[in-house]
ModelCIF file with pLDDT and N, C-alpha, C, O atoms, coordinates in Angstrom:
data_MODEL
#
_entry.id   MODEL 
#
_entity.id                         1 
_entity.type                       polymer 
_entity.pdbx_number_of_molecules   1 
#
_entity_poly.entity_id                      1 
_entity_poly.type                           'polypeptide(L)' 
_entity_poly.nstd_linkage                   no 
_entity_poly.nstd_monomer                   no 
_entity_poly.pdbx_seq_one_letter_code       VMAKLANGIADDLLTSTALAMIAPILIAPAANEYMYSNPASMRNMATL 
_entity_poly.pdbx_seq_one_letter_code_can   VMAKLANGIADDLLTSTALAMIAPILIAPAANEYMYSNPASMRNMATL 
_entity_poly.pdbx_strand_id                 A 
#
loop_
_entity_poly_seq.entity_id 
_entity_poly_seq.num 
_entity_poly_seq.mon_id 
_entity_poly_seq.hetero 
1 1  VAL n 
1 2  MET n 
1 3  ALA n 
1 4  LYS n 
1 5  LEU n 
1 6  ALA n 
1 7  ASN n 
1 8  GLY n 
1 9  ILE n 
1 10 ALA n 
1 11 ASP n 
1 12 ASP n 
1 13 LEU n 
1 14 LEU n 
1 15 THR n 
1 16 SER n 
1 17 THR n 
1 18 ALA n 
1 19 LEU n 
1 20 ALA n 
1 21 MET n 
1 22 ILE n 
1 23 ALA n 
1 24 PRO n 
1 25 ILE n 
1 26 LEU n 
1 27 ILE n 
1 28 ALA n 
1 29 PRO n 
1 30 ALA n 
1 31 ALA n 
1 32 ASN n 
1 33 GLU n 
1 34 TYR n 
1 35 MET n 
1 36 TYR n 
1 37 SER n 
1 38 ASN n 
1 39 PRO n 
1 40 ALA n 
1 41 SER n 
1 42 MET n 
1 43 ARG n 
1 44 ASN n 
1 45 MET n 
1 46 ALA n 
1 47 THR n 
1 48 LEU n 
#
_struct_asym.id          A 
_struct_asym.entity_id   1 
#
loop_
_ma_qa_metric.id 
_ma_qa_metric.mode 
_ma_qa_metric.name 
_ma_qa_metric.software_group_id 
_ma_qa_metric.type 
1 global pLDDT . pLDDT 
2 local  pLDDT . pLDDT 
#
_ma_qa_metric_global.metric_id      1 
_ma_qa_metric_global.metric_value   93.27 
_ma_qa_metric_global.model_id       1 
_ma_qa_metric_global.ordinal_id     1 
#
loop_
_ma_qa_metric_local.label_asym_id 
_ma_qa_metric_local.label_comp_id 
_ma_qa_metric_local.label_seq_id 
_ma_qa_metric_local.metric_id 
_ma_qa_metric_local.metric_value 
_ma_qa_metric_local.model_id 
_ma_qa_metric_local.ordinal_id 
A VAL 1  2 96.00 1 1  
A MET 2  2 95.00 1 2  
A ALA 3  2 97.00 1 3  
A LYS 4  2 96.00 1 4  
A LEU 5  2 96.00 1 5  
A ALA 6  2 96.00 1 6  
A ASN 7  2 96.00 1 7  
A GLY 8  2 95.00 1 8  
A ILE 9  2 96.00 1 9  
A ALA 10 2 94.00 1 10 
A ASP 11 2 94.00 1 11 
A ASP 12 2 94.00 1 12 
A LEU 13 2 95.00 1 13 
A LEU 14 2 96.00 1 14 
A THR 15 2 96.00 1 15 
A SER 16 2 95.00 1 16 
A THR 17 2 95.00 1 17 
A ALA 18 2 96.00 1 18 
A LEU 19 2 96.00 1 19 
A ALA 20 2 95.00 1 20 
A MET 21 2 95.00 1 21 
A ILE 22 2 93.00 1 22 
A ALA 23 2 94.00 1 23 
A PRO 24 2 94.00 1 24 
A ILE 25 2 95.00 1 25 
A LEU 26 2 95.00 1 26 
A ILE 27 2 94.00 1 27 
A ALA 28 2 94.00 1 28 
A PRO 29 2 94.00 1 29 
A ALA 30 2 92.00 1 30 
A ALA 31 2 90.00 1 31 
A ASN 32 2 85.00 1 32 
A GLU 33 2 86.00 1 33 
A TYR 34 2 84.00 1 34 
A MET 35 2 87.00 1 35 
A TYR 36 2 90.00 1 36 
A SER 37 2 87.00 1 37 
A ASN 38 2 92.00 1 38 
A PRO 39 2 92.00 1 39 
A ALA 40 2 94.00 1 40 
A SER 41 2 93.00 1 41 
A MET 42 2 92.00 1 42 
A ARG 43 2 93.00 1 43 
A ASN 44 2 94.00 1 44 
A MET 45 2 91.00 1 45 
A ALA 46 2 92.00 1 46 
A THR 47 2 93.00 1 47 
A LEU 48 2 93.00 1 48 
#
loop_
_atom_site.group_PDB 
_atom_site.id 
_atom_site.type_symbol 
_atom_site.label_atom_id 
_atom_site.label_alt_id 
_atom_site.label_comp_id 
_atom_site.label_asym_id 
_atom_site.label_entity_id 
_atom_site.label_seq_id 
_atom_site.pdbx_PDB_ins_code 
_atom_site.Cartn_x 
_atom_site.Cartn_y 
_atom_site.Cartn_z 
_atom_site.occupancy 
_atom_site.B_iso_or_equiv 
_atom_site.pdbx_formal_charge 
_atom_site.auth_seq_id 
_atom_site.auth_comp_id 
_atom_site.auth_asym_id 
_atom_site.auth_atom_id 
_atom_site.pdbx_PDB_model_num 
ATOM 1   N N  . VAL A 1 1  ? -11.165 -5.737  -2.453  1.00 96.00 ? 1  VAL A N  1 
ATOM 2   C CA . VAL A 1 1  ? -12.171 -5.844  -3.400  1.00 96.00 ? 1  VAL A CA 1 
ATOM 3   C C  . VAL A 1 1  ? -11.237 -5.961  -4.480  1.00 96.00 ? 1  VAL A C  1 
ATOM 4   O O  . VAL A 1 1  ? -11.071 -6.849  -5.316  1.00 96.00 ? 1  VAL A O  1 
ATOM 5   N N  . MET A 1 2  ? -10.503 -4.557  -4.220  1.00 95.00 ? 2  MET A N  1 
ATOM 6   C CA . MET A 1 2  ? -9.317  -4.491  -5.522  1.00 95.00 ? 2  MET A CA 1 
ATOM 7   C C  . MET A 1 2  ? -8.758  -5.672  -5.755  1.00 95.00 ? 2  MET A C  1 
ATOM 8   O O  . MET A 1 2  ? -8.877  -6.405  -6.737  1.00 95.00 ? 2  MET A O  1 
ATOM 9   N N  . ALA A 1 3  ? -7.922  -5.848  -4.439  1.00 97.00 ? 3  ALA A N  1 
ATOM 10  C CA . ALA A 1 3  ? -6.946  -6.927  -4.689  1.00 97.00 ? 3  ALA A CA 1 
ATOM 11  C C  . ALA A 1 3  ? -7.457  -8.008  -4.884  1.00 97.00 ? 3  ALA A C  1 
ATOM 12  O O  . ALA A 1 3  ? -6.677  -8.822  -5.380  1.00 97.00 ? 3  ALA A O  1 
ATOM 13  N N  . LYS A 1 4  ? -8.757  -8.472  -4.643  1.00 96.00 ? 4  LYS A N  1 
ATOM 14  C CA . LYS A 1 4  ? -9.153  -9.834  -5.008  1.00 96.00 ? 4  LYS A CA 1 
ATOM 15  C C  . LYS A 1 4  ? -8.976  -9.461  -6.799  1.00 96.00 ? 4  LYS A C  1 
ATOM 16  O O  . LYS A 1 4  ? -8.703  -10.480 -7.433  1.00 96.00 ? 4  LYS A O  1 
ATOM 17  N N  . LEU A 1 5  ? -9.075  -8.347  -7.553  1.00 96.00 ? 5  LEU A N  1 
ATOM 18  C CA . LEU A 1 5  ? -9.675  -8.346  -8.887  1.00 96.00 ? 5  LEU A CA 1 
ATOM 19  C C  . LEU A 1 5  ? -8.237  -8.202  -9.248  1.00 96.00 ? 5  LEU A C  1 
ATOM 20  O O  . LEU A 1 5  ? -8.295  -7.735  -10.385 1.00 96.00 ? 5  LEU A O  1 
ATOM 21  N N  . ALA A 1 6  ? -7.196  -8.310  -8.990  1.00 96.00 ? 6  ALA A N  1 
ATOM 22  C CA . ALA A 1 6  ? -5.490  -7.741  -9.026  1.00 96.00 ? 6  ALA A CA 1 
ATOM 23  C C  . ALA A 1 6  ? -5.008  -8.965  -9.136  1.00 96.00 ? 6  ALA A C  1 
ATOM 24  O O  . ALA A 1 6  ? -4.036  -9.256  -9.833  1.00 96.00 ? 6  ALA A O  1 
ATOM 25  N N  . ASN A 1 7  ? -5.996  -10.151 -8.100  1.00 96.00 ? 7  ASN A N  1 
ATOM 26  C CA . ASN A 1 7  ? -4.539  -11.036 -7.945  1.00 96.00 ? 7  ASN A CA 1 
ATOM 27  C C  . ASN A 1 7  ? -6.071  -12.132 -8.925  1.00 96.00 ? 7  ASN A C  1 
ATOM 28  O O  . ASN A 1 7  ? -5.853  -13.284 -8.550  1.00 96.00 ? 7  ASN A O  1 
ATOM 29  N N  . GLY A 1 8  ? -7.020  -12.157 -9.649  1.00 95.00 ? 8  GLY A N  1 
ATOM 30  C CA . GLY A 1 8  ? -7.992  -12.932 -9.732  1.00 95.00 ? 8  GLY A CA 1 
ATOM 31  C C  . GLY A 1 8  ? -8.867  -13.514 -9.229  1.00 95.00 ? 8  GLY A C  1 
ATOM 32  O O  . GLY A 1 8  ? -9.787  -14.037 -9.857  1.00 95.00 ? 8  GLY A O  1 
ATOM 33  N N  . ILE A 1 9  ? -8.722  -13.526 -7.901  1.00 96.00 ? 9  ILE A N  1 
ATOM 34  C CA . ILE A 1 9  ? -9.706  -13.552 -7.348  1.00 96.00 ? 9  ILE A CA 1 
ATOM 35  C C  . ILE A 1 9  ? -11.046 -14.276 -7.186  1.00 96.00 ? 9  ILE A C  1 
ATOM 36  O O  . ILE A 1 9  ? -11.225 -14.150 -5.975  1.00 96.00 ? 9  ILE A O  1 
ATOM 37  N N  . ALA A 1 10 ? -12.064 -14.933 -7.643  1.00 94.00 ? 10 ALA A N  1 
ATOM 38  C CA . ALA A 1 10 ? -13.294 -14.590 -7.679  1.00 94.00 ? 10 ALA A CA 1 
ATOM 39  C C  . ALA A 1 10 ? -14.439 -15.579 -6.476  1.00 94.00 ? 10 ALA A C  1 
ATOM 40  O O  . ALA A 1 10 ? -14.954 -16.695 -6.551  1.00 94.00 ? 10 ALA A O  1 
ATOM 41  N N  . ASP A 1 11 ? -14.452 -14.886 -5.820  1.00 94.00 ? 11 ASP A N  1 
ATOM 42  C CA . ASP A 1 11 ? -14.967 -16.164 -4.618  1.00 94.00 ? 11 ASP A CA 1 
ATOM 43  C C  . ASP A 1 11 ? -16.594 -15.078 -4.347  1.00 94.00 ? 11 ASP A C  1 
ATOM 44  O O  . ASP A 1 11 ? -17.051 -15.225 -3.213  1.00 94.00 ? 11 ASP A O  1 
ATOM 45  N N  . ASP A 1 12 ? -17.345 -14.159 -5.198  1.00 94.00 ? 12 ASP A N  1 
ATOM 46  C CA . ASP A 1 12 ? -18.190 -13.503 -4.445  1.00 94.00 ? 12 ASP A CA 1 
ATOM 47  C C  . ASP A 1 12 ? -18.973 -13.388 -6.195  1.00 94.00 ? 12 ASP A C  1 
ATOM 48  O O  . ASP A 1 12 ? -18.284 -13.773 -7.140  1.00 94.00 ? 12 ASP A O  1 
ATOM 49  N N  . LEU A 1 13 ? -20.028 -12.987 -6.390  1.00 95.00 ? 13 LEU A N  1 
ATOM 50  C CA . LEU A 1 13 ? -20.813 -12.715 -7.875  1.00 95.00 ? 13 LEU A CA 1 
ATOM 51  C C  . LEU A 1 13 ? -20.236 -11.290 -8.330  1.00 95.00 ? 13 LEU A C  1 
ATOM 52  O O  . LEU A 1 13 ? -20.552 -10.989 -9.482  1.00 95.00 ? 13 LEU A O  1 
ATOM 53  N N  . LEU A 1 14 ? -19.446 -10.353 -7.640  1.00 96.00 ? 14 LEU A N  1 
ATOM 54  C CA . LEU A 1 14 ? -19.194 -8.917  -8.484  1.00 96.00 ? 14 LEU A CA 1 
ATOM 55  C C  . LEU A 1 14 ? -17.428 -9.597  -8.732  1.00 96.00 ? 14 LEU A C  1 
ATOM 56  O O  . LEU A 1 14 ? -16.812 -9.011  -9.623  1.00 96.00 ? 14 LEU A O  1 
ATOM 57  N N  . THR A 1 15 ? -16.748 -10.609 -8.094  1.00 96.00 ? 15 THR A N  1 
ATOM 58  C CA . THR A 1 15 ? -15.179 -10.744 -8.114  1.00 96.00 ? 15 THR A CA 1 
ATOM 59  C C  . THR A 1 15 ? -15.580 -11.506 -9.980  1.00 96.00 ? 15 THR A C  1 
ATOM 60  O O  . THR A 1 15 ? -15.165 -11.045 -11.043 1.00 96.00 ? 15 THR A O  1 
ATOM 61  N N  . SER A 1 16 ? -16.435 -12.675 -9.794  1.00 95.00 ? 16 SER A N  1 
ATOM 62  C CA . SER A 1 16 ? -16.607 -13.590 -10.968 1.00 95.00 ? 16 SER A CA 1 
ATOM 63  C C  . SER A 1 16 ? -16.869 -13.335 -11.812 1.00 95.00 ? 16 SER A C  1 
ATOM 64  O O  . SER A 1 16 ? -16.561 -14.044 -12.770 1.00 95.00 ? 16 SER A O  1 
ATOM 65  N N  . THR A 1 17 ? -17.882 -11.712 -12.049 1.00 95.00 ? 17 THR A N  1 
ATOM 66  C CA . THR A 1 17 ? -18.732 -11.090 -12.656 1.00 95.00 ? 17 THR A CA 1 
ATOM 67  C C  . THR A 1 17 ? -17.494 -10.507 -13.557 1.00 95.00 ? 17 THR A C  1 
ATOM 68  O O  . THR A 1 17 ? -17.383 -10.603 -14.780 1.00 95.00 ? 17 THR A O  1 
ATOM 69  N N  . ALA A 1 18 ? -16.315 -9.686  -12.358 1.00 96.00 ? 18 ALA A N  1 
ATOM 70  C CA . ALA A 1 18 ? -15.421 -8.735  -13.172 1.00 96.00 ? 18 ALA A CA 1 
ATOM 71  C C  . ALA A 1 18 ? -14.402 -9.700  -13.649 1.00 96.00 ? 18 ALA A C  1 
ATOM 72  O O  . ALA A 1 18 ? -13.509 -9.194  -14.329 1.00 96.00 ? 18 ALA A O  1 
ATOM 73  N N  . LEU A 1 19 ? -14.352 -10.665 -13.494 1.00 96.00 ? 19 LEU A N  1 
ATOM 74  C CA . LEU A 1 19 ? -13.687 -11.762 -13.958 1.00 96.00 ? 19 LEU A CA 1 
ATOM 75  C C  . LEU A 1 19 ? -14.022 -12.312 -15.846 1.00 96.00 ? 19 LEU A C  1 
ATOM 76  O O  . LEU A 1 19 ? -13.318 -12.518 -16.835 1.00 96.00 ? 19 LEU A O  1 
ATOM 77  N N  . ALA A 1 20 ? -14.897 -12.339 -15.651 1.00 95.00 ? 20 ALA A N  1 
ATOM 78  C CA . ALA A 1 20 ? -15.991 -12.580 -16.751 1.00 95.00 ? 20 ALA A CA 1 
ATOM 79  C C  . ALA A 1 20 ? -15.500 -11.686 -17.837 1.00 95.00 ? 20 ALA A C  1 
ATOM 80  O O  . ALA A 1 20 ? -15.107 -11.947 -18.973 1.00 95.00 ? 20 ALA A O  1 
ATOM 81  N N  . MET A 1 21 ? -15.636 -10.486 -17.145 1.00 95.00 ? 21 MET A N  1 
ATOM 82  C CA . MET A 1 21 ? -15.966 -9.183  -18.176 1.00 95.00 ? 21 MET A CA 1 
ATOM 83  C C  . MET A 1 21 ? -15.354 -8.901  -19.327 1.00 95.00 ? 21 MET A C  1 
ATOM 84  O O  . MET A 1 21 ? -14.141 -8.868  -19.119 1.00 95.00 ? 21 MET A O  1 
ATOM 85  N N  . ILE A 1 22 ? -15.713 -8.600  -20.853 1.00 93.00 ? 22 ILE A N  1 
ATOM 86  C CA . ILE A 1 22 ? -14.982 -8.236  -22.015 1.00 93.00 ? 22 ILE A CA 1 
ATOM 87  C C  . ILE A 1 22 ? -14.746 -7.168  -21.929 1.00 93.00 ? 22 ILE A C  1 
ATOM 88  O O  . ILE A 1 22 ? -13.626 -6.707  -22.150 1.00 93.00 ? 22 ILE A O  1 
ATOM 89  N N  . ALA A 1 23 ? -16.127 -6.245  -21.453 1.00 94.00 ? 23 ALA A N  1 
ATOM 90  C CA . ALA A 1 23 ? -16.557 -4.960  -21.725 1.00 94.00 ? 23 ALA A CA 1 
ATOM 91  C C  . ALA A 1 23 ? -15.094 -4.502  -21.310 1.00 94.00 ? 23 ALA A C  1 
ATOM 92  O O  . ALA A 1 23 ? -14.069 -5.176  -21.411 1.00 94.00 ? 23 ALA A O  1 
ATOM 93  N N  . PRO A 1 24 ? -15.232 -3.081  -20.773 1.00 94.00 ? 24 PRO A N  1 
ATOM 94  C CA . PRO A 1 24 ? -14.379 -2.172  -19.878 1.00 94.00 ? 24 PRO A CA 1 
ATOM 95  C C  . PRO A 1 24 ? -14.788 -2.345  -18.853 1.00 94.00 ? 24 PRO A C  1 
ATOM 96  O O  . PRO A 1 24 ? -15.842 -2.977  -18.794 1.00 94.00 ? 24 PRO A O  1 
ATOM 97  N N  . ILE A 1 25 ? -13.991 -1.749  -17.242 1.00 95.00 ? 25 ILE A N  1 
ATOM 98  C CA . ILE A 1 25 ? -14.269 -2.035  -16.429 1.00 95.00 ? 25 ILE A CA 1 
ATOM 99  C C  . ILE A 1 25 ? -13.541 -0.669  -15.468 1.00 95.00 ? 25 ILE A C  1 
ATOM 100 O O  . ILE A 1 25 ? -12.396 -0.647  -15.015 1.00 95.00 ? 25 ILE A O  1 
ATOM 101 N N  . LEU A 1 26 ? -14.494 0.298   -15.354 1.00 95.00 ? 26 LEU A N  1 
ATOM 102 C CA . LEU A 1 26 ? -14.133 1.158   -14.472 1.00 95.00 ? 26 LEU A CA 1 
ATOM 103 C C  . LEU A 1 26 ? -14.315 1.565   -13.153 1.00 95.00 ? 26 LEU A C  1 
ATOM 104 O O  . LEU A 1 26 ? -15.481 1.818   -12.851 1.00 95.00 ? 26 LEU A O  1 
ATOM 105 N N  . ILE A 1 27 ? -13.127 1.747   -11.941 1.00 94.00 ? 27 ILE A N  1 
ATOM 106 C CA . ILE A 1 27 ? -13.130 1.671   -10.775 1.00 94.00 ? 27 ILE A CA 1 
ATOM 107 C C  . ILE A 1 27 ? -12.736 3.049   -9.970  1.00 94.00 ? 27 ILE A C  1 
ATOM 108 O O  . ILE A 1 27 ? -11.736 3.750   -10.122 1.00 94.00 ? 27 ILE A O  1 
ATOM 109 N N  . ALA A 1 28 ? -13.919 3.225   -9.001  1.00 94.00 ? 28 ALA A N  1 
ATOM 110 C CA . ALA A 1 28 ? -13.981 4.259   -8.597  1.00 94.00 ? 28 ALA A CA 1 
ATOM 111 C C  . ALA A 1 28 ? -13.544 4.085   -7.119  1.00 94.00 ? 28 ALA A C  1 
ATOM 112 O O  . ALA A 1 28 ? -14.434 3.853   -6.302  1.00 94.00 ? 28 ALA A O  1 
ATOM 113 N N  . PRO A 1 29 ? -12.133 4.182   -6.655  1.00 94.00 ? 29 PRO A N  1 
ATOM 114 C CA . PRO A 1 29 ? -11.870 3.435   -5.058  1.00 94.00 ? 29 PRO A CA 1 
ATOM 115 C C  . PRO A 1 29 ? -12.067 4.137   -3.463  1.00 94.00 ? 29 PRO A C  1 
ATOM 116 O O  . PRO A 1 29 ? -11.673 5.294   -3.614  1.00 94.00 ? 29 PRO A O  1 
ATOM 117 N N  . ALA A 1 30 ? -12.286 4.048   -2.718  1.00 92.00 ? 30 ALA A N  1 
ATOM 118 C CA . ALA A 1 30 ? -12.828 4.027   -1.696  1.00 92.00 ? 30 ALA A CA 1 
ATOM 119 C C  . ALA A 1 30 ? -12.026 3.947   -0.309  1.00 92.00 ? 30 ALA A C  1 
ATOM 120 O O  . ALA A 1 30 ? -12.547 3.038   0.337   1.00 92.00 ? 30 ALA A O  1 
ATOM 121 N N  . ALA A 1 31 ? -11.105 4.451   0.324   1.00 90.00 ? 31 ALA A N  1 
ATOM 122 C CA . ALA A 1 31 ? -10.352 3.819   1.516   1.00 90.00 ? 31 ALA A CA 1 
ATOM 123 C C  . ALA A 1 31 ? -9.637  4.855   2.593   1.00 90.00 ? 31 ALA A C  1 
ATOM 124 O O  . ALA A 1 31 ? -8.925  5.707   2.062   1.00 90.00 ? 31 ALA A O  1 
ATOM 125 N N  . ASN A 1 32 ? -9.715  4.887   3.748   1.00 85.00 ? 32 ASN A N  1 
ATOM 126 C CA . ASN A 1 32 ? -8.977  5.394   4.419   1.00 85.00 ? 32 ASN A CA 1 
ATOM 127 C C  . ASN A 1 32 ? -7.627  5.448   3.729   1.00 85.00 ? 32 ASN A C  1 
ATOM 128 O O  . ASN A 1 32 ? -7.133  4.544   3.056   1.00 85.00 ? 32 ASN A O  1 
ATOM 129 N N  . GLU A 1 33 ? -6.875  7.145   4.101   1.00 86.00 ? 33 GLU A N  1 
ATOM 130 C CA . GLU A 1 33 ? -5.996  7.178   3.527   1.00 86.00 ? 33 GLU A CA 1 
ATOM 131 C C  . GLU A 1 33 ? -5.060  6.396   3.778   1.00 86.00 ? 33 GLU A C  1 
ATOM 132 O O  . GLU A 1 33 ? -4.968  5.926   2.644   1.00 86.00 ? 33 GLU A O  1 
ATOM 133 N N  . TYR A 1 34 ? -4.046  5.710   4.529   1.00 84.00 ? 34 TYR A N  1 
ATOM 134 C CA . TYR A 1 34 ? -3.008  4.854   4.422   1.00 84.00 ? 34 TYR A CA 1 
ATOM 135 C C  . TYR A 1 34 ? -3.659  3.684   3.510   1.00 84.00 ? 34 TYR A C  1 
ATOM 136 O O  . TYR A 1 34 ? -3.229  3.496   2.372   1.00 84.00 ? 34 TYR A O  1 
ATOM 137 N N  . MET A 1 35 ? -4.610  2.978   3.996   1.00 87.00 ? 35 MET A N  1 
ATOM 138 C CA . MET A 1 35 ? -5.211  1.951   3.153   1.00 87.00 ? 35 MET A CA 1 
ATOM 139 C C  . MET A 1 35 ? -4.983  2.158   2.063   1.00 87.00 ? 35 MET A C  1 
ATOM 140 O O  . MET A 1 35 ? -4.740  1.125   1.439   1.00 87.00 ? 35 MET A O  1 
ATOM 141 N N  . TYR A 1 36 ? -4.925  3.378   1.285   1.00 90.00 ? 36 TYR A N  1 
ATOM 142 C CA . TYR A 1 36 ? -5.349  3.991   -0.048  1.00 90.00 ? 36 TYR A CA 1 
ATOM 143 C C  . TYR A 1 36 ? -3.543  3.819   -0.096  1.00 90.00 ? 36 TYR A C  1 
ATOM 144 O O  . TYR A 1 36 ? -3.206  3.159   -1.078  1.00 90.00 ? 36 TYR A O  1 
ATOM 145 N N  . SER A 1 37 ? -2.703  4.151   0.520   1.00 87.00 ? 37 SER A N  1 
ATOM 146 C CA . SER A 1 37 ? -1.632  4.733   -0.033  1.00 87.00 ? 37 SER A CA 1 
ATOM 147 C C  . SER A 1 37 ? -0.598  4.087   0.345   1.00 87.00 ? 37 SER A C  1 
ATOM 148 O O  . SER A 1 37 ? 0.562   4.496   0.294   1.00 87.00 ? 37 SER A O  1 
ATOM 149 N N  . ASN A 1 38 ? -1.237  2.329   1.014   1.00 92.00 ? 38 ASN A N  1 
ATOM 150 C CA . ASN A 1 38 ? -0.231  1.301   1.625   1.00 92.00 ? 38 ASN A CA 1 
ATOM 151 C C  . ASN A 1 38 ? -0.006  0.731   -0.163  1.00 92.00 ? 38 ASN A C  1 
ATOM 152 O O  . ASN A 1 38 ? -0.852  0.715   -1.057  1.00 92.00 ? 38 ASN A O  1 
ATOM 153 N N  . PRO A 1 39 ? 1.378   0.328   -0.206  1.00 92.00 ? 39 PRO A N  1 
ATOM 154 C CA . PRO A 1 39 ? 2.124   -0.062  -1.050  1.00 92.00 ? 39 PRO A CA 1 
ATOM 155 C C  . PRO A 1 39 ? 1.216   -1.385  -1.881  1.00 92.00 ? 39 PRO A C  1 
ATOM 156 O O  . PRO A 1 39 ? 1.087   -1.658  -3.075  1.00 92.00 ? 39 PRO A O  1 
ATOM 157 N N  . ALA A 1 40 ? 0.683   -2.021  -0.607  1.00 94.00 ? 40 ALA A N  1 
ATOM 158 C CA . ALA A 1 40 ? 0.195   -3.285  -1.867  1.00 94.00 ? 40 ALA A CA 1 
ATOM 159 C C  . ALA A 1 40 ? -0.772  -2.790  -2.273  1.00 94.00 ? 40 ALA A C  1 
ATOM 160 O O  . ALA A 1 40 ? -1.258  -3.475  -3.174  1.00 94.00 ? 40 ALA A O  1 
ATOM 161 N N  . SER A 1 41 ? -1.548  -1.551  -1.971  1.00 93.00 ? 41 SER A N  1 
ATOM 162 C CA . SER A 1 41 ? -2.974  -1.369  -2.611  1.00 93.00 ? 41 SER A CA 1 
ATOM 163 C C  . SER A 1 41 ? -2.216  -0.671  -3.755  1.00 93.00 ? 41 SER A C  1 
ATOM 164 O O  . SER A 1 41 ? -2.769  -1.142  -4.748  1.00 93.00 ? 41 SER A O  1 
ATOM 165 N N  . MET A 1 42 ? -1.177  0.262   -4.229  1.00 92.00 ? 42 MET A N  1 
ATOM 166 C CA . MET A 1 42 ? -0.741  0.804   -5.246  1.00 92.00 ? 42 MET A CA 1 
ATOM 167 C C  . MET A 1 42 ? -0.121  -0.331  -6.034  1.00 92.00 ? 42 MET A C  1 
ATOM 168 O O  . MET A 1 42 ? -0.064  -0.270  -7.262  1.00 92.00 ? 42 MET A O  1 
ATOM 169 N N  . ARG A 1 43 ? 0.138   -0.908  -5.652  1.00 93.00 ? 43 ARG A N  1 
ATOM 170 C CA . ARG A 1 43 ? 0.856   -2.169  -6.687  1.00 93.00 ? 43 ARG A CA 1 
ATOM 171 C C  . ARG A 1 43 ? -0.470  -3.003  -7.269  1.00 93.00 ? 43 ARG A C  1 
ATOM 172 O O  . ARG A 1 43 ? -0.467  -3.851  -8.162  1.00 93.00 ? 43 ARG A O  1 
ATOM 173 N N  . ASN A 1 44 ? -1.802  -2.421  -6.359  1.00 94.00 ? 44 ASN A N  1 
ATOM 174 C CA . ASN A 1 44 ? -2.636  -3.537  -6.974  1.00 94.00 ? 44 ASN A CA 1 
ATOM 175 C C  . ASN A 1 44 ? -2.974  -2.863  -8.296  1.00 94.00 ? 44 ASN A C  1 
ATOM 176 O O  . ASN A 1 44 ? -2.979  -3.520  -9.337  1.00 94.00 ? 44 ASN A O  1 
ATOM 177 N N  . MET A 1 45 ? -3.297  -1.367  -8.272  1.00 91.00 ? 45 MET A N  1 
ATOM 178 C CA . MET A 1 45 ? -3.889  -0.559  -8.727  1.00 91.00 ? 45 MET A CA 1 
ATOM 179 C C  . MET A 1 45 ? -2.658  -0.718  -10.016 1.00 91.00 ? 45 MET A C  1 
ATOM 180 O O  . MET A 1 45 ? -2.899  -0.390  -11.178 1.00 91.00 ? 45 MET A O  1 
ATOM 181 N N  . ALA A 1 46 ? -1.978  -1.003  -9.783  1.00 92.00 ? 46 ALA A N  1 
ATOM 182 C CA . ALA A 1 46 ? -1.023  -0.855  -10.758 1.00 92.00 ? 46 ALA A CA 1 
ATOM 183 C C  . ALA A 1 46 ? -1.171  -2.252  -11.826 1.00 92.00 ? 46 ALA A C  1 
ATOM 184 O O  . ALA A 1 46 ? -1.127  -2.287  -13.056 1.00 92.00 ? 46 ALA A O  1 
ATOM 185 N N  . THR A 1 47 ? -1.347  -3.275  -10.900 1.00 93.00 ? 47 THR A N  1 
ATOM 186 C CA . THR A 1 47 ? -1.565  -4.428  -12.121 1.00 93.00 ? 47 THR A CA 1 
ATOM 187 C C  . THR A 1 47 ? -2.507  -4.377  -12.968 1.00 93.00 ? 47 THR A C  1 
ATOM 188 O O  . THR A 1 47 ? -2.525  -4.847  -14.106 1.00 93.00 ? 47 THR A O  1 
ATOM 189 N N  . LEU A 1 48 ? -3.841  -3.409  -12.043 1.00 93.00 ? 48 LEU A N  1 
ATOM 190 C CA . LEU A 1 48 ? -5.075  -3.501  -13.119 1.00 93.00 ? 48 LEU A CA 1 
ATOM 191 C C  . LEU A 1 48 ? -5.131  -2.593  -13.938 1.00 93.00 ? 48 LEU A C  1 
ATOM 192 O O  . LEU A 1 48 ? -6.024  -2.579  -14.785 1.00 93.00 ? 48 LEU A O  1 
#
């Protein structure tokens, strides 16, 4: 979901709502350590 948000993908209710948000967005991630530290994930977090 974080990757979708970083790339503007809105293919369900949650991501579509996020794309339409004017108010602040706060994200609490959770993942396997390798998925979390993957360069793609780090880049997506930096983008957001």
